[in-house]
Amino acid sequence: MKFRYLVYMGNCNGVIGYGKGKGTDFEDAMDKAVEDCKKNLIAINLDHFISWPRSITESFQGVKLTVYPN
């Protein structure tokens, strides 16, 4: 039996990331997901009055993520 984790992180200042991890127990899978997330950090340009000018929709391997403006 294998465990899988999908982790999304952000610091509320425009840096976000995601990571995926697999392992034989949940702690190993989560550690791998967090390490992968640290490798996939990206910066988003922020407007302090509007977080995003329009909705952003992306999909990756069957996972659909939509971010709506504030």
PDB file of N, CA and C in Angstrom:
ATOM      1  N   MET A   1       0.843  -1.179   0.000  1.00  0.00           N
ATOM      2  CA  MET A   1       0.000   0.000   0.000  1.00  0.00           C
ATOM      3  C   MET A   1       0.891   1.245   0.000  1.00  0.00           C
ATOM      4  N   LYS A   2       0.558   2.196  -0.862  1.00  0.00           N
ATOM      5  CA  LYS A   2       1.312   3.439  -0.951  1.00  0.00           C
ATOM      6  C   LYS A   2       0.402   4.616  -0.630  1.00  0.00           C
ATOM      7  N   PHE A   3       0.985   5.631  -0.062  1.00  0.00           N
ATOM      8  CA  PHE A   3       0.275   6.868   0.243  1.00  0.00           C
ATOM      9  C   PHE A   3       0.744   7.950  -0.711  1.00  0.00           C
ATOM     10  N   ARG A   4      -0.182   8.854  -1.050  1.00  0.00           N
ATOM     11  CA  ARG A   4       0.129   9.984  -1.928  1.00  0.00           C
ATOM     12  C   ARG A   4      -0.345  11.267  -1.271  1.00  0.00           C
ATOM     13  N   TYR A   5       0.452  12.296  -1.414  1.00  0.00           N
ATOM     14  CA  TYR A   5       0.099  13.614  -0.882  1.00  0.00           C
ATOM     15  C   TYR A   5       0.249  14.650  -1.980  1.00  0.00           C
ATOM     16  N   LEU A   6      -0.655  15.629  -1.984  1.00  0.00           N
ATOM     17  CA  LEU A   6      -0.573  16.800  -2.848  1.00  0.00           C
ATOM     18  C   LEU A   6      -0.637  18.004  -1.917  1.00  0.00           C
ATOM     19  N   VAL A   7       0.402  18.828  -1.938  1.00  0.00           N
ATOM     20  CA  VAL A   7       0.539  19.940  -1.010  1.00  0.00           C
ATOM     21  C   VAL A   7       0.611  21.244  -1.783  1.00  0.00           C
ATOM     22  N   TYR A   8      -0.170  22.243  -1.340  1.00  0.00           N
ATOM     23  CA  TYR A   8      -0.089  23.607  -1.863  1.00  0.00           C
ATOM     24  C   TYR A   8       0.329  24.519  -0.725  1.00  0.00           C
ATOM     25  N   MET A   9       1.261  25.437  -0.997  1.00  0.00           N
ATOM     26  CA  MET A   9       1.730  26.369   0.024  1.00  0.00           C
ATOM     27  C   MET A   9       1.803  27.772  -0.547  1.00  0.00           C
ATOM     28  N   GLY A  10       1.688  28.751   0.318  1.00  0.00           N
ATOM     29  CA  GLY A  10       1.842  30.147  -0.060  1.00  0.00           C
ATOM     30  C   GLY A  10       2.193  30.979   1.154  1.00  0.00           C
ATOM     31  N   ASN A  11       2.786  32.146   0.926  1.00  0.00           N
ATOM     32  CA  ASN A  11       3.175  32.995   2.053  1.00  0.00           C
ATOM     33  C   ASN A  11       2.372  34.294   2.107  1.00  0.00           C
ATOM     34  N   CYS A  12       1.324  34.442   1.335  1.00  0.00           N
ATOM     35  CA  CYS A  12       0.463  35.635   1.290  1.00  0.00           C
ATOM     36  C   CYS A  12       1.187  36.872   0.780  1.00  0.00           C
ATOM     37  N   ASN A  13       2.381  36.719   0.228  1.00  0.00           N
ATOM     38  CA  ASN A  13       3.115  37.826  -0.374  1.00  0.00           C
ATOM     39  C   ASN A  13       3.458  37.550  -1.822  1.00  0.00           C
ATOM     40  N   GLY A  14       2.775  36.593  -2.453  1.00  0.00           N
ATOM     41  CA  GLY A  14       2.989  36.341  -3.865  1.00  0.00           C
ATOM     42  C   GLY A  14       3.870  35.160  -4.191  1.00  0.00           C
ATOM     43  N   VAL A  15       4.310  34.398  -3.213  1.00  0.00           N
ATOM     44  CA  VAL A  15       5.108  33.208  -3.477  1.00  0.00           C
ATOM     45  C   VAL A  15       4.252  31.989  -3.170  1.00  0.00           C
ATOM     46  N   ILE A  16       4.061  31.132  -4.188  1.00  0.00           N
ATOM     47  CA  ILE A  16       3.251  29.936  -4.013  1.00  0.00           C
ATOM     48  C   ILE A  16       4.008  28.738  -4.576  1.00  0.00           C
ATOM     49  N   GLY A  17       3.545  27.553  -4.234  1.00  0.00           N
ATOM     50  CA  GLY A  17       4.158  26.347  -4.750  1.00  0.00           C
ATOM     51  C   GLY A  17       3.274  25.141  -4.498  1.00  0.00           C
ATOM     52  N   TYR A  18       3.554  24.065  -5.201  1.00  0.00           N
ATOM     53  CA  TYR A  18       2.841  22.814  -4.986  1.00  0.00           C
ATOM     54  C   TYR A  18       3.844  21.677  -5.070  1.00  0.00           C
ATOM     55  N   GLY A  19       3.502  20.577  -4.438  1.00  0.00           N
ATOM     56  CA  GLY A  19       4.381  19.420  -4.477  1.00  0.00           C
ATOM     57  C   GLY A  19       3.599  18.137  -4.323  1.00  0.00           C
ATOM     58  N   LYS A  20       4.104  17.076  -4.948  1.00  0.00           N
ATOM     59  CA  LYS A  20       3.487  15.756  -4.859  1.00  0.00           C
ATOM     60  C   LYS A  20       4.496  14.799  -4.258  1.00  0.00           C
ATOM     61  N   GLY A  21       3.996  13.859  -3.442  1.00  0.00           N
ATOM     62  CA  GLY A  21       4.891  12.885  -2.845  1.00  0.00           C
ATOM     63  C   GLY A  21       4.222  11.534  -2.679  1.00  0.00           C
ATOM     64  N   LYS A  22       5.006  10.471  -2.820  1.00  0.00           N
ATOM     65  CA  LYS A  22       4.543   9.100  -2.607  1.00  0.00           C
ATOM     66  C   LYS A  22       5.445   8.449  -1.584  1.00  0.00           C
ATOM     67  N   GLY A  23       4.867   7.548  -0.794  1.00  0.00           N
ATOM     68  CA  GLY A  23       5.679   6.834   0.175  1.00  0.00           C
ATOM     69  C   GLY A  23       4.939   5.646   0.750  1.00  0.00           C
ATOM     70  N   THR A  24       5.679   4.828   1.478  1.00  0.00           N
ATOM     71  CA  THR A  24       5.075   3.631   2.076  1.00  0.00           C
ATOM     72  C   THR A  24       4.259   3.965   3.313  1.00  0.00           C
ATOM     73  N   ASP A  25       4.565   5.088   3.976  1.00  0.00           N
ATOM     74  CA  ASP A  25       3.720   5.560   5.070  1.00  0.00           C
ATOM     75  C   ASP A  25       3.403   7.034   4.835  1.00  0.00           C
ATOM     76  N   PHE A  26       2.412   7.561   5.578  1.00  0.00           N
ATOM     77  CA  PHE A  26       1.942   8.916   5.279  1.00  0.00           C
ATOM     78  C   PHE A  26       2.994   9.974   5.611  1.00  0.00           C
ATOM     79  N   GLU A  27       3.839   9.740   6.628  1.00  0.00           N
ATOM     80  CA  GLU A  27       4.868  10.723   6.969  1.00  0.00           C
ATOM     81  C   GLU A  27       5.915  10.839   5.872  1.00  0.00           C
ATOM     82  N   ASP A  28       6.320   9.718   5.304  1.00  0.00           N
ATOM     83  CA  ASP A  28       7.295   9.722   4.216  1.00  0.00           C
ATOM     84  C   ASP A  28       6.724  10.428   2.985  1.00  0.00           C
ATOM     85  N   ALA A  29       5.459  10.152   2.664  1.00  0.00           N
ATOM     86  CA  ALA A  29       4.813  10.786   1.510  1.00  0.00           C
ATOM     87  C   ALA A  29       4.687  12.295   1.714  1.00  0.00           C
ATOM     88  N   MET A  30       4.340  12.705   2.927  1.00  0.00           N
ATOM     89  CA  MET A  30       4.188  14.137   3.190  1.00  0.00           C
ATOM     90  C   MET A  30       5.543  14.846   3.158  1.00  0.00           C
ATOM     91  N   ASP A  31       6.588  14.230   3.698  1.00  0.00           N
ATOM     92  CA  ASP A  31       7.919  14.831   3.642  1.00  0.00           C
ATOM     93  C   ASP A  31       8.384  15.016   2.207  1.00  0.00           C
ATOM     94  N   LYS A  32       8.147  14.033   1.359  1.00  0.00           N
ATOM     95  CA  LYS A  32       8.534  14.140  -0.047  1.00  0.00           C
ATOM     96  C   LYS A  32       7.727  15.213  -0.761  1.00  0.00           C
ATOM     97  N   ALA A  33       6.438  15.352  -0.419  1.00  0.00           N
ATOM     98  CA  ALA A  33       5.601  16.378  -1.034  1.00  0.00           C
ATOM     99  C   ALA A  33       6.065  17.773  -0.633  1.00  0.00           C
ATOM    100  N   VAL A  34       6.441  17.955   0.626  1.00  0.00           N
ATOM    101  CA  VAL A  34       6.915  19.266   1.084  1.00  0.00           C
ATOM    102  C   VAL A  34       8.242  19.604   0.416  1.00  0.00           C
ATOM    103  N   GLU A  35       9.152  18.641   0.296  1.00  0.00           N
ATOM    104  CA  GLU A  35      10.427  18.887  -0.387  1.00  0.00           C
ATOM    105  C   GLU A  35      10.204  19.232  -1.856  1.00  0.00           C
ATOM    106  N   ASP A  36       9.275  18.542  -2.515  1.00  0.00           N
ATOM    107  CA  ASP A  36       8.963  18.837  -3.909  1.00  0.00           C
ATOM    108  C   ASP A  36       8.335  20.222  -4.033  1.00  0.00           C
ATOM    109  N   CYS A  37       7.530  20.607  -3.053  1.00  0.00           N
ATOM    110  CA  CYS A  37       6.898  21.928  -3.063  1.00  0.00           C
ATOM    111  C   CYS A  37       7.950  23.034  -2.967  1.00  0.00           C
ATOM    112  N   LYS A  38       8.967  22.824  -2.153  1.00  0.00           N
ATOM    113  CA  LYS A  38      10.027  23.821  -2.015  1.00  0.00           C
ATOM    114  C   LYS A  38      10.805  24.002  -3.316  1.00  0.00           C
ATOM    115  N   LYS A  39      10.841  22.975  -4.157  1.00  0.00           N
ATOM    116  CA  LYS A  39      11.526  23.060  -5.448  1.00  0.00           C
ATOM    117  C   LYS A  39      10.677  23.756  -6.506  1.00  0.00           C
ATOM    118  N   ASN A  40       9.355  23.815  -6.308  1.00  0.00           N
ATOM    119  CA  ASN A  40       8.434  24.347  -7.316  1.00  0.00           C
ATOM    120  C   ASN A  40       7.855  25.706  -6.934  1.00  0.00           C
ATOM    121  N   LEU A  41       8.596  26.537  -6.245  1.00  0.00           N
ATOM    122  CA  LEU A  41       8.094  27.849  -5.855  1.00  0.00           C
ATOM    123  C   LEU A  41       8.084  28.803  -7.044  1.00  0.00           C
ATOM    124  N   ILE A  42       7.006  29.575  -7.155  1.00  0.00           N
ATOM    125  CA  ILE A  42       6.908  30.608  -8.186  1.00  0.00           C
ATOM    126  C   ILE A  42       6.435  31.900  -7.541  1.00  0.00           C
ATOM    127  N   ALA A  43       6.730  33.014  -8.166  1.00  0.00           N
ATOM    128  CA  ALA A  43       6.312  34.324  -7.676  1.00  0.00           C
ATOM    129  C   ALA A  43       5.209  34.867  -8.573  1.00  0.00           C
ATOM    130  N   ILE A  44       4.202  35.437  -7.954  1.00  0.00           N
ATOM    131  CA  ILE A  44       3.071  36.037  -8.665  1.00  0.00           C
ATOM    132  C   ILE A  44       3.113  37.540  -8.426  1.00  0.00           C
ATOM    133  N   ASN A  45       2.964  38.318  -9.502  1.00  0.00           N
ATOM    134  CA  ASN A  45       2.890  39.766  -9.348  1.00  0.00           C
ATOM    135  C   ASN A  45       1.597  40.118  -8.634  1.00  0.00           C
ATOM    136  N   LEU A  46       1.704  40.887  -7.561  1.00  0.00           N
ATOM    137  CA  LEU A  46       0.534  41.250  -6.770  1.00  0.00           C
ATOM    138  C   LEU A  46       0.158  42.705  -6.988  1.00  0.00           C
ATOM    139  N   ASP A  47      -1.136  42.948  -7.076  1.00  0.00           N
ATOM    140  CA  ASP A  47      -1.699  44.278  -7.027  1.00  0.00           C
ATOM    141  C   ASP A  47      -2.367  44.380  -5.665  1.00  0.00           C
ATOM    142  N   HIS A  48      -1.985  45.331  -4.855  1.00  0.00           N
ATOM    143  CA  HIS A  48      -2.491  45.389  -3.488  1.00  0.00           C
ATOM    144  C   HIS A  48      -3.962  45.769  -3.399  1.00  0.00           C
ATOM    145  N   PHE A  49      -4.572  46.225  -4.496  1.00  0.00           N
ATOM    146  CA  PHE A  49      -5.981  46.546  -4.487  1.00  0.00           C
ATOM    147  C   PHE A  49      -6.827  45.392  -5.007  1.00  0.00           C
ATOM    148  N   ILE A  50      -6.310  44.659  -5.983  1.00  0.00           N
ATOM    149  CA  ILE A  50      -6.989  43.483  -6.542  1.00  0.00           C
ATOM    150  C   ILE A  50      -5.946  42.379  -6.606  1.00  0.00           C
ATOM    151  N   SER A  51      -6.266  41.220  -6.060  1.00  0.00           N
ATOM    152  CA  SER A  51      -5.270  40.156  -6.017  1.00  0.00           C
ATOM    153  C   SER A  51      -4.947  39.628  -7.411  1.00  0.00           C
ATOM    154  N   TRP A  52      -5.946  39.421  -8.270  1.00  0.00           N
ATOM    155  CA  TRP A  52      -5.755  39.016  -9.663  1.00  0.00           C
ATOM    156  C   TRP A  52      -6.729  39.803 -10.509  1.00  0.00           C
ATOM    157  N   PRO A  53      -6.312  40.248 -11.679  1.00  0.00           N
ATOM    158  CA  PRO A  53      -7.239  41.014 -12.512  1.00  0.00           C
ATOM    159  C   PRO A  53      -8.347  40.159 -13.116  1.00  0.00           C
ATOM    160  N   ARG A  54      -8.120  38.837 -13.249  1.00  0.00           N
ATOM    161  CA  ARG A  54      -9.136  37.946 -13.806  1.00  0.00           C
ATOM    162  C   ARG A  54      -8.976  36.565 -13.190  1.00  0.00           C
ATOM    163  N   SER A  55      -9.941  35.714 -13.411  1.00  0.00           N
ATOM    164  CA  SER A  55      -9.866  34.349 -12.888  1.00  0.00           C
ATOM    165  C   SER A  55      -8.776  33.562 -13.609  1.00  0.00           C
ATOM    166  N   ILE A  56      -8.107  32.686 -12.870  1.00  0.00           N
ATOM    167  CA  ILE A  56      -7.065  31.831 -13.423  1.00  0.00           C
ATOM    168  C   ILE A  56      -7.512  30.389 -13.237  1.00  0.00           C
ATOM    169  N   THR A  57      -7.566  29.628 -14.325  1.00  0.00           N
ATOM    170  CA  THR A  57      -7.942  28.221 -14.270  1.00  0.00           C
ATOM    171  C   THR A  57      -6.856  27.392 -14.925  1.00  0.00           C
ATOM    172  N   GLU A  58      -6.360  26.425 -14.194  1.00  0.00           N
ATOM    173  CA  GLU A  58      -5.326  25.531 -14.695  1.00  0.00           C
ATOM    174  C   GLU A  58      -5.687  24.106 -14.304  1.00  0.00           C
ATOM    175  N   SER A  59      -5.187  23.140 -15.073  1.00  0.00           N
ATOM    176  CA  SER A  59      -5.371  21.736 -14.712  1.00  0.00           C
ATOM    177  C   SER A  59      -4.054  21.003 -14.927  1.00  0.00           C
ATOM    178  N   PHE A  60      -3.819  20.014 -14.073  1.00  0.00           N
ATOM    179  CA  PHE A  60      -2.590  19.241 -14.138  1.00  0.00           C
ATOM    180  C   PHE A  60      -2.901  17.822 -13.698  1.00  0.00           C
ATOM    181  N   GLN A  61      -2.757  16.879 -14.593  1.00  0.00           N
ATOM    182  CA  GLN A  61      -2.978  15.460 -14.333  1.00  0.00           C
ATOM    183  C   GLN A  61      -4.317  15.196 -13.659  1.00  0.00           C
ATOM    184  N   GLY A  62      -5.356  15.779 -14.189  1.00  0.00           N
ATOM    185  CA  GLY A  62      -6.702  15.527 -13.692  1.00  0.00           C
ATOM    186  C   GLY A  62      -7.132  16.396 -12.528  1.00  0.00           C
ATOM    187  N   VAL A  63      -6.262  17.274 -12.009  1.00  0.00           N
ATOM    188  CA  VAL A  63      -6.605  18.161 -10.916  1.00  0.00           C
ATOM    189  C   VAL A  63      -6.856  19.544 -11.506  1.00  0.00           C
ATOM    190  N   LYS A  64      -8.037  20.102 -11.249  1.00  0.00           N
ATOM    191  CA  LYS A  64      -8.390  21.413 -11.778  1.00  0.00           C
ATOM    192  C   LYS A  64      -8.369  22.426 -10.640  1.00  0.00           C
ATOM    193  N   LEU A  65      -7.651  23.539 -10.838  1.00  0.00           N
ATOM    194  CA  LEU A  65      -7.515  24.568  -9.838  1.00  0.00           C
ATOM    195  C   LEU A  65      -7.966  25.885 -10.439  1.00  0.00           C
ATOM    196  N   THR A  66      -8.873  26.582  -9.754  1.00  0.00           N
ATOM    197  CA  THR A  66      -9.360  27.880 -10.194  1.00  0.00           C
ATOM    198  C   THR A  66      -9.148  28.891  -9.074  1.00  0.00           C
ATOM    199  N   VAL A  67      -8.524  30.024  -9.412  1.00  0.00           N
ATOM    200  CA  VAL A  67      -8.301  31.104  -8.449  1.00  0.00           C
ATOM    201  C   VAL A  67      -9.118  32.301  -8.931  1.00  0.00           C
ATOM    202  N   TYR A  68      -9.990  32.801  -8.067  1.00  0.00           N
ATOM    203  CA  TYR A  68     -10.865  33.912  -8.411  1.00  0.00           C
ATOM    204  C   TYR A  68     -10.317  35.204  -7.820  1.00  0.00           C
ATOM    205  N   PRO A  69     -10.546  36.345  -8.499  1.00  0.00           N
ATOM    206  CA  PRO A  69     -10.084  37.621  -7.946  1.00  0.00           C
ATOM    207  C   PRO A  69     -10.846  37.973  -6.670  1.00  0.00           C
ATOM    208  N   ASN A  70     -10.221  38.774  -5.855  1.00  0.00           N
ATOM    209  CA  ASN A  70     -10.812  39.148  -4.572  1.00  0.00           C
ATOM    210  C   ASN A  70     -11.892  40.193  -4.741  1.00  0.00           C
TER     211      ASN A  70
END
